[in-house]
PDB file of N, CA and C in Angstrom:
ATOM      1  N   UNK A   1      -0.861 -76.749 -30.089  1.00  0.00           N
ATOM      2  CA  UNK A   1      -0.436 -75.439 -29.658  1.00  0.00           C
ATOM      3  C   UNK A   1      -1.143 -74.390 -30.531  1.00  0.00           C
ATOM      4  N   UNK A   2      -1.672 -73.376 -29.903  1.00  0.00           N
ATOM      5  CA  UNK A   2      -2.407 -72.351 -30.644  1.00  0.00           C
ATOM      6  C   UNK A   2      -1.585 -71.076 -30.782  1.00  0.00           C
ATOM      7  N   UNK A   3      -1.868 -70.339 -31.841  1.00  0.00           N
ATOM      8  CA  UNK A   3      -1.151 -69.085 -32.062  1.00  0.00           C
ATOM      9  C   UNK A   3      -1.779 -67.938 -31.275  1.00  0.00           C
ATOM     10  N   UNK A   4      -3.007 -68.100 -30.806  1.00  0.00           N
ATOM     11  CA  UNK A   4      -3.697 -67.006 -30.114  1.00  0.00           C
ATOM     12  C   UNK A   4      -3.517 -67.028 -28.606  1.00  0.00           C
ATOM     13  N   UNK A   5      -2.926 -68.089 -28.062  1.00  0.00           N
ATOM     14  CA  UNK A   5      -2.758 -68.194 -26.613  1.00  0.00           C
ATOM     15  C   UNK A   5      -1.298 -68.479 -26.290  1.00  0.00           C
ATOM     16  N   UNK A   6      -0.771 -67.756 -25.303  1.00  0.00           N
ATOM     17  CA  UNK A   6       0.590 -68.043 -24.849  1.00  0.00           C
ATOM     18  C   UNK A   6       0.670 -67.832 -23.343  1.00  0.00           C
ATOM     19  N   UNK A   7       1.552 -68.593 -22.725  1.00  0.00           N
ATOM     20  CA  UNK A   7       1.792 -68.442 -21.299  1.00  0.00           C
ATOM     21  C   UNK A   7       2.911 -67.439 -21.089  1.00  0.00           C
ATOM     22  N   UNK A   8       2.728 -66.573 -20.113  1.00  0.00           N
ATOM     23  CA  UNK A   8       3.737 -65.602 -19.706  1.00  0.00           C
ATOM     24  C   UNK A   8       3.885 -65.775 -18.199  1.00  0.00           C
ATOM     25  N   UNK A   9       4.782 -66.653 -17.793  1.00  0.00           N
ATOM     26  CA  UNK A   9       4.865 -67.027 -16.380  1.00  0.00           C
ATOM     27  C   UNK A   9       3.622 -67.826 -16.018  1.00  0.00           C
ATOM     28  N   UNK A  10       2.873 -67.346 -15.028  1.00  0.00           N
ATOM     29  CA  UNK A  10       1.625 -68.024 -14.651  1.00  0.00           C
ATOM     30  C   UNK A  10       0.408 -67.382 -15.308  1.00  0.00           C
ATOM     31  N   UNK A  11       0.643 -66.348 -16.113  1.00  0.00           N
ATOM     32  CA  UNK A  11      -0.462 -65.654 -16.792  1.00  0.00           C
ATOM     33  C   UNK A  11      -0.697 -66.242 -18.176  1.00  0.00           C
ATOM     34  N   UNK A  12      -1.925 -66.143 -18.626  1.00  0.00           N
ATOM     35  CA  UNK A  12      -2.294 -66.536 -19.982  1.00  0.00           C
ATOM     36  C   UNK A  12      -2.586 -65.262 -20.762  1.00  0.00           C
ATOM     37  N   UNK A  13      -1.994 -65.128 -21.944  1.00  0.00           N
ATOM     38  CA  UNK A  13      -2.239 -63.972 -22.801  1.00  0.00           C
ATOM     39  C   UNK A  13      -2.964 -64.469 -24.046  1.00  0.00           C
ATOM     40  N   UNK A  14      -4.149 -63.905 -24.293  1.00  0.00           N
ATOM     41  CA  UNK A  14      -4.971 -64.295 -25.439  1.00  0.00           C
ATOM     42  C   UNK A  14      -5.035 -63.170 -26.459  1.00  0.00           C
ATOM     43  N   UNK A  15      -4.895 -63.521 -27.732  1.00  0.00           N
ATOM     44  CA  UNK A  15      -5.143 -62.598 -28.839  1.00  0.00           C
ATOM     45  C   UNK A  15      -6.565 -62.906 -29.291  1.00  0.00           C
ATOM     46  N   UNK A  16      -7.461 -61.942 -29.201  1.00  0.00           N
ATOM     47  CA  UNK A  16      -8.884 -62.186 -29.447  1.00  0.00           C
ATOM     48  C   UNK A  16      -9.440 -61.319 -30.571  1.00  0.00           C
ATOM     49  N   UNK A  17     -10.433 -61.854 -31.242  1.00  0.00           N
ATOM     50  CA  UNK A  17     -11.269 -61.088 -32.172  1.00  0.00           C
ATOM     51  C   UNK A  17     -12.662 -61.098 -31.555  1.00  0.00           C
ATOM     52  N   UNK A  18     -13.212 -59.933 -31.279  1.00  0.00           N
ATOM     53  CA  UNK A  18     -14.483 -59.808 -30.569  1.00  0.00           C
ATOM     54  C   UNK A  18     -15.605 -59.473 -31.543  1.00  0.00           C
ATOM     55  N   UNK A  19     -16.721 -60.172 -31.389  1.00  0.00           N
ATOM     56  CA  UNK A  19     -17.922 -59.870 -32.172  1.00  0.00           C
ATOM     57  C   UNK A  19     -19.019 -59.451 -31.193  1.00  0.00           C
ATOM     58  N   UNK A  20     -19.191 -58.138 -30.981  1.00  0.00           N
ATOM     59  CA  UNK A  20     -20.227 -57.667 -30.053  1.00  0.00           C
ATOM     60  C   UNK A  20     -21.612 -57.746 -30.686  1.00  0.00           C
ATOM     61  N   UNK A  21     -22.638 -57.687 -29.860  1.00  0.00           N
ATOM     62  CA  UNK A  21     -24.018 -57.679 -30.339  1.00  0.00           C
ATOM     63  C   UNK A  21     -24.499 -59.035 -30.816  1.00  0.00           C
ATOM     64  N   UNK A  22     -23.885 -60.110 -30.349  1.00  0.00           N
ATOM     65  CA  UNK A  22     -24.281 -61.463 -30.748  1.00  0.00           C
ATOM     66  C   UNK A  22     -25.512 -61.912 -29.962  1.00  0.00           C
ATOM     67  N   UNK A  23     -26.086 -63.012 -30.392  1.00  0.00           N
ATOM     68  CA  UNK A  23     -27.267 -63.557 -29.725  1.00  0.00           C
ATOM     69  C   UNK A  23     -26.947 -63.986 -28.289  1.00  0.00           C
ATOM     70  N   UNK A  24     -25.741 -64.554 -28.105  1.00  0.00           N
ATOM     71  CA  UNK A  24     -25.292 -64.951 -26.758  1.00  0.00           C
ATOM     72  C   UNK A  24     -23.771 -64.874 -26.704  1.00  0.00           C
ATOM     73  N   UNK A  25     -23.231 -64.803 -25.518  1.00  0.00           N
ATOM     74  CA  UNK A  25     -21.779 -64.770 -25.340  1.00  0.00           C
ATOM     75  C   UNK A  25     -21.243 -66.194 -25.391  1.00  0.00           C
ATOM     76  N   UNK A  26     -20.224 -66.405 -26.267  1.00  0.00           N
ATOM     77  CA  UNK A  26     -19.674 -67.750 -26.442  1.00  0.00           C
ATOM     78  C   UNK A  26     -18.341 -67.691 -27.175  1.00  0.00           C
ATOM     79  N   UNK A  27     -17.570 -68.770 -27.021  1.00  0.00           N
ATOM     80  CA  UNK A  27     -16.370 -68.945 -27.825  1.00  0.00           C
ATOM     81  C   UNK A  27     -16.817 -69.381 -29.205  1.00  0.00           C
ATOM     82  N   UNK A  28     -16.151 -68.877 -30.243  1.00  0.00           N
ATOM     83  CA  UNK A  28     -16.591 -69.182 -31.610  1.00  0.00           C
ATOM     84  C   UNK A  28     -15.447 -69.676 -32.484  1.00  0.00           C
ATOM     85  N   UNK A  29     -14.468 -70.354 -31.898  1.00  0.00           N
ATOM     86  CA  UNK A  29     -13.379 -70.917 -32.682  1.00  0.00           C
ATOM     87  C   UNK A  29     -12.297 -69.903 -32.989  1.00  0.00           C
ATOM     88  N   UNK A  30     -11.593 -70.143 -34.082  1.00  0.00           N
ATOM     89  CA  UNK A  30     -10.492 -69.267 -34.470  1.00  0.00           C
ATOM     90  C   UNK A  30     -10.921 -68.306 -35.568  1.00  0.00           C
ATOM     91  N   UNK A  31     -10.321 -67.128 -35.554  1.00  0.00           N
ATOM     92  CA  UNK A  31     -10.520 -66.116 -36.594  1.00  0.00           C
ATOM     93  C   UNK A  31      -9.121 -65.684 -37.006  1.00  0.00           C
ATOM     94  N   UNK A  32      -8.599 -66.299 -38.061  1.00  0.00           N
ATOM     95  CA  UNK A  32      -7.201 -66.074 -38.412  1.00  0.00           C
ATOM     96  C   UNK A  32      -6.322 -66.639 -37.314  1.00  0.00           C
ATOM     97  N   UNK A  33      -5.474 -65.803 -36.740  1.00  0.00           N
ATOM     98  CA  UNK A  33      -4.606 -66.239 -35.646  1.00  0.00           C
ATOM     99  C   UNK A  33      -5.102 -65.723 -34.302  1.00  0.00           C
ATOM    100  N   UNK A  34      -6.395 -65.527 -34.188  1.00  0.00           N
ATOM    101  CA  UNK A  34      -7.003 -65.032 -32.950  1.00  0.00           C
ATOM    102  C   UNK A  34      -8.149 -65.940 -32.527  1.00  0.00           C
ATOM    103  N   UNK A  35      -8.468 -65.896 -31.241  1.00  0.00           N
ATOM    104  CA  UNK A  35      -9.625 -66.602 -30.715  1.00  0.00           C
ATOM    105  C   UNK A  35     -10.841 -65.713 -30.916  1.00  0.00           C
ATOM    106  N   UNK A  36     -11.860 -66.230 -31.583  1.00  0.00           N
ATOM    107  CA  UNK A  36     -13.071 -65.432 -31.807  1.00  0.00           C
ATOM    108  C   UNK A  36     -14.013 -65.626 -30.625  1.00  0.00           C
ATOM    109  N   UNK A  37     -14.469 -64.507 -30.086  1.00  0.00           N
ATOM    110  CA  UNK A  37     -15.404 -64.521 -28.962  1.00  0.00           C
ATOM    111  C   UNK A  37     -16.605 -63.675 -29.342  1.00  0.00           C
ATOM    112  N   UNK A  38     -17.778 -64.280 -29.295  1.00  0.00           N
ATOM    113  CA  UNK A  38     -19.020 -63.538 -29.528  1.00  0.00           C
ATOM    114  C   UNK A  38     -19.529 -63.042 -28.179  1.00  0.00           C
ATOM    115  N   UNK A  39     -19.941 -61.773 -28.146  1.00  0.00           N
ATOM    116  CA  UNK A  39     -20.455 -61.179 -26.909  1.00  0.00           C
ATOM    117  C   UNK A  39     -21.849 -60.631 -27.140  1.00  0.00           C
ATOM    118  N   UNK A  40     -22.721 -60.864 -26.191  1.00  0.00           N
ATOM    119  CA  UNK A  40     -24.100 -60.399 -26.285  1.00  0.00           C
ATOM    120  C   UNK A  40     -24.189 -58.878 -26.163  1.00  0.00           C
ATOM    121  N   UNK A  41     -23.293 -58.274 -25.429  1.00  0.00           N
ATOM    122  CA  UNK A  41     -23.341 -56.825 -25.180  1.00  0.00           C
ATOM    123  C   UNK A  41     -23.044 -56.034 -26.454  1.00  0.00           C
ATOM    124  N   UNK A  42     -23.665 -54.858 -26.594  1.00  0.00           N
ATOM    125  CA  UNK A  42     -23.389 -53.998 -27.750  1.00  0.00           C
ATOM    126  C   UNK A  42     -22.051 -53.268 -27.572  1.00  0.00           C
ATOM    127  N   UNK A  43     -21.459 -52.799 -28.683  1.00  0.00           N
ATOM    128  CA  UNK A  43     -20.161 -52.124 -28.595  1.00  0.00           C
ATOM    129  C   UNK A  43     -20.282 -50.633 -28.267  1.00  0.00           C
ATOM    130  N   UNK A  44     -20.994 -50.302 -27.204  1.00  0.00           N
ATOM    131  CA  UNK A  44     -21.162 -48.896 -26.811  1.00  0.00           C
ATOM    132  C   UNK A  44     -20.848 -48.717 -25.326  1.00  0.00           C
ATOM    133  N   UNK A  45     -20.254 -47.589 -25.000  1.00  0.00           N
ATOM    134  CA  UNK A  45     -19.983 -47.201 -23.609  1.00  0.00           C
ATOM    135  C   UNK A  45     -19.232 -48.268 -22.812  1.00  0.00           C
ATOM    136  N   UNK A  46     -18.354 -49.024 -23.458  1.00  0.00           N
ATOM    137  CA  UNK A  46     -17.560 -50.023 -22.752  1.00  0.00           C
ATOM    138  C   UNK A  46     -18.319 -51.271 -22.346  1.00  0.00           C
ATOM    139  N   UNK A  47     -19.565 -51.415 -22.816  1.00  0.00           N
ATOM    140  CA  UNK A  47     -20.374 -52.572 -22.415  1.00  0.00           C
ATOM    141  C   UNK A  47     -19.779 -53.887 -22.914  1.00  0.00           C
ATOM    142  N   UNK A  48     -19.264 -53.899 -24.146  1.00  0.00           N
ATOM    143  CA  UNK A  48     -18.677 -55.132 -24.685  1.00  0.00           C
ATOM    144  C   UNK A  48     -17.400 -55.499 -23.922  1.00  0.00           C
ATOM    145  N   UNK A  49     -16.583 -54.521 -23.566  1.00  0.00           N
ATOM    146  CA  UNK A  49     -15.371 -54.805 -22.790  1.00  0.00           C
ATOM    147  C   UNK A  49     -15.726 -55.365 -21.415  1.00  0.00           C
ATOM    148  N   UNK A  50     -16.725 -54.791 -20.769  1.00  0.00           N
ATOM    149  CA  UNK A  50     -17.160 -55.285 -19.457  1.00  0.00           C
ATOM    150  C   UNK A  50     -17.698 -56.706 -19.574  1.00  0.00           C
ATOM    151  N   UNK A  51     -18.445 -56.988 -20.636  1.00  0.00           N
ATOM    152  CA  UNK A  51     -18.976 -58.333 -20.864  1.00  0.00           C
ATOM    153  C   UNK A  51     -17.840 -59.315 -21.143  1.00  0.00           C
ATOM    154  N   UNK A  52     -16.819 -58.885 -21.879  1.00  0.00           N
ATOM    155  CA  UNK A  52     -15.666 -59.746 -22.156  1.00  0.00           C
ATOM    156  C   UNK A  52     -14.980 -60.148 -20.851  1.00  0.00           C
ATOM    157  N   UNK A  53     -14.746 -59.195 -19.975  1.00  0.00           N
ATOM    158  CA  UNK A  53     -14.103 -59.481 -18.687  1.00  0.00           C
ATOM    159  C   UNK A  53     -14.972 -60.429 -17.866  1.00  0.00           C
ATOM    160  N   UNK A  54     -16.273 -60.181 -17.809  1.00  0.00           N
ATOM    161  CA  UNK A  54     -17.185 -61.052 -17.059  1.00  0.00           C
ATOM    162  C   UNK A  54     -17.178 -62.470 -17.639  1.00  0.00           C
ATOM    163  N   UNK A  55     -17.266 -62.576 -18.961  1.00  0.00           N
ATOM    164  CA  UNK A  55     -17.314 -63.868 -19.644  1.00  0.00           C
ATOM    165  C   UNK A  55     -16.025 -64.669 -19.404  1.00  0.00           C
ATOM    166  N   UNK A  56     -14.871 -64.030 -19.578  1.00  0.00           N
ATOM    167  CA  UNK A  56     -13.601 -64.731 -19.370  1.00  0.00           C
ATOM    168  C   UNK A  56     -13.389 -65.091 -17.907  1.00  0.00           C
ATOM    169  N   UNK A  57     -13.869 -64.245 -17.014  1.00  0.00           N
ATOM    170  CA  UNK A  57     -13.754 -64.527 -15.587  1.00  0.00           C
ATOM    171  C   UNK A  57     -14.500 -65.814 -15.221  1.00  0.00           C
ATOM    172  N   UNK A  58     -15.660 -66.012 -15.819  1.00  0.00           N
ATOM    173  CA  UNK A  58     -16.424 -67.249 -15.601  1.00  0.00           C
ATOM    174  C   UNK A  58     -15.710 -68.452 -16.216  1.00  0.00           C
ATOM    175  N   UNK A  59     -15.249 -68.295 -17.467  1.00  0.00           N
ATOM    176  CA  UNK A  59     -14.601 -69.412 -18.169  1.00  0.00           C
ATOM    177  C   UNK A  59     -13.364 -69.919 -17.445  1.00  0.00           C
ATOM    178  N   UNK A  60     -12.549 -69.000 -16.950  1.00  0.00           N
ATOM    179  CA  UNK A  60     -11.277 -69.376 -16.345  1.00  0.00           C
ATOM    180  C   UNK A  60     -11.329 -69.418 -14.819  1.00  0.00           C
ATOM    181  N   UNK A  61     -12.502 -69.174 -14.238  1.00  0.00           N
ATOM    182  CA  UNK A  61     -12.713 -69.234 -12.785  1.00  0.00           C
ATOM    183  C   UNK A  61     -11.729 -68.331 -12.035  1.00  0.00           C
ATOM    184  N   UNK A  62     -11.648 -67.089 -12.492  1.00  0.00           N
ATOM    185  CA  UNK A  62     -10.802 -66.094 -11.820  1.00  0.00           C
ATOM    186  C   UNK A  62     -11.658 -64.870 -11.509  1.00  0.00           C
ATOM    187  N   UNK A  63     -11.249 -64.058 -10.535  1.00  0.00           N
ATOM    188  CA  UNK A  63     -11.994 -62.819 -10.280  1.00  0.00           C
ATOM    189  C   UNK A  63     -11.824 -61.851 -11.450  1.00  0.00           C
ATOM    190  N   UNK A  64     -12.766 -60.967 -11.605  1.00  0.00           N
ATOM    191  CA  UNK A  64     -12.729 -60.005 -12.717  1.00  0.00           C
ATOM    192  C   UNK A  64     -11.472 -59.146 -12.708  1.00  0.00           C
ATOM    193  N   UNK A  65     -10.971 -58.832 -11.518  1.00  0.00           N
ATOM    194  CA  UNK A  65      -9.779 -57.975 -11.460  1.00  0.00           C
ATOM    195  C   UNK A  65      -8.500 -58.722 -11.851  1.00  0.00           C
ATOM    196  N   UNK A  66      -8.601 -60.019 -12.146  1.00  0.00           N
ATOM    197  CA  UNK A  66      -7.453 -60.799 -12.628  1.00  0.00           C
ATOM    198  C   UNK A  66      -7.360 -60.765 -14.150  1.00  0.00           C
ATOM    199  N   UNK A  67      -8.281 -60.041 -14.796  1.00  0.00           N
ATOM    200  CA  UNK A  67      -8.314 -59.958 -16.256  1.00  0.00           C
ATOM    201  C   UNK A  67      -8.059 -58.516 -16.675  1.00  0.00           C
ATOM    202  N   UNK A  68      -7.107 -58.346 -17.586  1.00  0.00           N
ATOM    203  CA  UNK A  68      -6.737 -57.018 -18.076  1.00  0.00           C
ATOM    204  C   UNK A  68      -6.781 -57.006 -19.592  1.00  0.00           C
ATOM    205  N   UNK A  69      -7.448 -56.004 -20.157  1.00  0.00           N
ATOM    206  CA  UNK A  69      -7.386 -55.791 -21.601  1.00  0.00           C
ATOM    207  C   UNK A  69      -6.135 -54.954 -21.832  1.00  0.00           C
ATOM    208  N   UNK A  70      -5.084 -55.596 -22.352  1.00  0.00           N
ATOM    209  CA  UNK A  70      -3.793 -54.920 -22.515  1.00  0.00           C
ATOM    210  C   UNK A  70      -3.766 -54.004 -23.726  1.00  0.00           C
ATOM    211  N   UNK A  71      -4.448 -54.393 -24.787  1.00  0.00           N
ATOM    212  CA  UNK A  71      -4.509 -53.536 -25.972  1.00  0.00           C
ATOM    213  C   UNK A  71      -5.817 -53.789 -26.700  1.00  0.00           C
ATOM    214  N   UNK A  72      -6.275 -52.774 -27.429  1.00  0.00           N
ATOM    215  CA  UNK A  72      -7.490 -52.916 -28.220  1.00  0.00           C
ATOM    216  C   UNK A  72      -8.766 -52.515 -27.512  1.00  0.00           C
ATOM    217  N   UNK A  73      -8.688 -51.644 -26.511  1.00  0.00           N
ATOM    218  CA  UNK A  73      -9.894 -51.201 -25.781  1.00  0.00           C
ATOM    219  C   UNK A  73     -11.009 -50.763 -26.716  1.00  0.00           C
ATOM    220  N   UNK A  74     -10.655 -50.073 -27.800  1.00  0.00           N
ATOM    221  CA  UNK A  74     -11.656 -49.530 -28.718  1.00  0.00           C
ATOM    222  C   UNK A  74     -11.699 -50.295 -30.036  1.00  0.00           C
ATOM    223  N   UNK A  75     -11.142 -51.489 -30.060  1.00  0.00           N
ATOM    224  CA  UNK A  75     -11.048 -52.281 -31.283  1.00  0.00           C
ATOM    225  C   UNK A  75     -11.655 -53.667 -31.072  1.00  0.00           C
ATOM    226  N   UNK A  76     -11.955 -54.339 -32.157  1.00  0.00           N
ATOM    227  CA  UNK A  76     -12.408 -55.731 -32.060  1.00  0.00           C
ATOM    228  C   UNK A  76     -11.233 -56.671 -31.833  1.00  0.00           C
ATOM    229  N   UNK A  77     -10.033 -56.227 -32.188  1.00  0.00           N
ATOM    230  CA  UNK A  77      -8.811 -57.013 -31.990  1.00  0.00           C
ATOM    231  C   UNK A  77      -8.239 -56.636 -30.625  1.00  0.00           C
ATOM    232  N   UNK A  78      -8.201 -57.592 -29.710  1.00  0.00           N
ATOM    233  CA  UNK A  78      -7.762 -57.296 -28.344  1.00  0.00           C
ATOM    234  C   UNK A  78      -6.705 -58.290 -27.881  1.00  0.00           C
ATOM    235  N   UNK A  79      -5.836 -57.814 -26.991  1.00  0.00           N
ATOM    236  CA  UNK A  79      -4.915 -58.694 -26.277  1.00  0.00           C
ATOM    237  C   UNK A  79      -5.338 -58.650 -24.815  1.00  0.00           C
ATOM    238  N   UNK A  80      -5.624 -59.831 -24.267  1.00  0.00           N
ATOM    239  CA  UNK A  80      -6.156 -59.934 -22.908  1.00  0.00           C
ATOM    240  C   UNK A  80      -5.224 -60.797 -22.064  1.00  0.00           C
ATOM    241  N   UNK A  81      -4.927 -60.332 -20.859  1.00  0.00           N
ATOM    242  CA  UNK A  81      -4.101 -61.092 -19.910  1.00  0.00           C
ATOM    243  C   UNK A  81      -4.992 -61.627 -18.797  1.00  0.00           C
ATOM    244  N   UNK A  82      -4.857 -62.927 -18.525  1.00  0.00           N
ATOM    245  CA  UNK A  82      -5.600 -63.585 -17.448  1.00  0.00           C
ATOM    246  C   UNK A  82      -4.568 -64.077 -16.436  1.00  0.00           C
ATOM    247  N   UNK A  83      -4.631 -63.536 -15.229  1.00  0.00           N
ATOM    248  CA  UNK A  83      -3.665 -63.893 -14.196  1.00  0.00           C
ATOM    249  C   UNK A  83      -4.064 -65.194 -13.517  1.00  0.00           C
ATOM    250  N   UNK A  84      -3.137 -66.125 -13.481  1.00  0.00           N
ATOM    251  CA  UNK A  84      -3.312 -67.400 -12.772  1.00  0.00           C
ATOM    252  C   UNK A  84      -4.651 -68.081 -13.054  1.00  0.00           C
ATOM    253  N   UNK A  85      -4.935 -68.456 -14.311  1.00  0.00           N
ATOM    254  CA  UNK A  85      -6.214 -69.117 -14.586  1.00  0.00           C
ATOM    255  C   UNK A  85      -6.360 -70.399 -13.769  1.00  0.00           C
ATOM    256  N   UNK A  86      -7.532 -70.583 -13.179  1.00  0.00           N
ATOM    257  CA  UNK A  86      -7.796 -71.725 -12.307  1.00  0.00           C
ATOM    258  C   UNK A  86      -8.220 -72.946 -13.113  1.00  0.00           C
ATOM    259  N   UNK A  87      -9.047 -72.743 -14.111  1.00  0.00           N
ATOM    260  CA  UNK A  87      -9.502 -73.867 -14.937  1.00  0.00           C
ATOM    261  C   UNK A  87      -9.264 -73.543 -16.404  1.00  0.00           C
ATOM    262  N   UNK A  88      -9.247 -74.596 -17.215  1.00  0.00           N
ATOM    263  CA  UNK A  88      -9.014 -74.458 -18.654  1.00  0.00           C
ATOM    264  C   UNK A  88     -10.291 -74.846 -19.375  1.00  0.00           C
ATOM    265  N   UNK A  89     -10.994 -73.884 -19.988  1.00  0.00           N
ATOM    266  CA  UNK A  89     -12.275 -74.199 -20.623  1.00  0.00           C
ATOM    267  C   UNK A  89     -12.100 -74.973 -21.925  1.00  0.00           C
ATOM    268  N   UNK A  90     -13.070 -75.828 -22.255  1.00  0.00           N
ATOM    269  CA  UNK A  90     -13.031 -76.486 -23.559  1.00  0.00           C
ATOM    270  C   UNK A  90     -13.154 -75.427 -24.651  1.00  0.00           C
ATOM    271  N   UNK A  91     -12.520 -75.659 -25.778  1.00  0.00           N
ATOM    272  CA  UNK A  91     -12.581 -74.691 -26.864  1.00  0.00           C
ATOM    273  C   UNK A  91     -11.375 -73.773 -26.917  1.00  0.00           C
ATOM    274  N   UNK A  92     -10.511 -73.846 -25.891  1.00  0.00           N
ATOM    275  CA  UNK A  92      -9.274 -73.069 -25.889  1.00  0.00           C
ATOM    276  C   UNK A  92      -8.139 -74.071 -26.047  1.00  0.00           C
ATOM    277  N   UNK A  93      -7.348 -73.893 -27.092  1.00  0.00           N
ATOM    278  CA  UNK A  93      -6.244 -74.818 -27.350  1.00  0.00           C
ATOM    279  C   UNK A  93      -5.107 -74.652 -26.357  1.00  0.00           C
ATOM    280  N   UNK A  94      -4.106 -75.501 -26.490  1.00  0.00           N
ATOM    281  CA  UNK A  94      -2.931 -75.457 -25.633  1.00  0.00           C
ATOM    282  C   UNK A  94      -2.080 -74.243 -25.983  1.00  0.00           C
ATOM    283  N   UNK A  95      -1.738 -73.423 -24.994  1.00  0.00           N
ATOM    284  CA  UNK A  95      -0.956 -72.214 -25.289  1.00  0.00           C
ATOM    285  C   UNK A  95       0.515 -72.522 -25.536  1.00  0.00           C
ATOM    286  N   UNK A  96       1.150 -71.612 -26.251  1.00  0.00           N
ATOM    287  CA  UNK A  96       2.596 -71.686 -26.453  1.00  0.00           C
ATOM    288  C   UNK A  96       3.273 -71.032 -25.257  1.00  0.00           C
ATOM    289  N   UNK A  97       4.438 -71.530 -24.883  1.00  0.00           N
ATOM    290  CA  UNK A  97       5.221 -70.878 -23.823  1.00  0.00           C
ATOM    291  C   UNK A  97       5.942 -69.692 -24.419  1.00  0.00           C
ATOM    292  N   UNK A  98       6.062 -68.617 -23.634  1.00  0.00           N
ATOM    293  CA  UNK A  98       6.781 -67.442 -24.157  1.00  0.00           C
ATOM    294  C   UNK A  98       8.246 -67.531 -23.825  1.00  0.00           C
TER     295      UNK A  98
END
């Protein structure tokens, strides 16, 4: 069970630490009690947030509009909600039930 992922009904809520401007977009393990995600996009004009939504949409096989950044729009520390994830990507631990 991971501290960064929890189920809220059929939704998955992730606590993330974002590293923008990376060589490629990828999961990078844990950062404290958060999931570290490296993003290729730079942290300007919402590009990193858009890349985060695109990246998670691919990982969990959901449409982009099923992903919401609930908090941390302008921060590296974000809380993200994924509605009804279709698949579970490797590298994401088992979530806690809320």
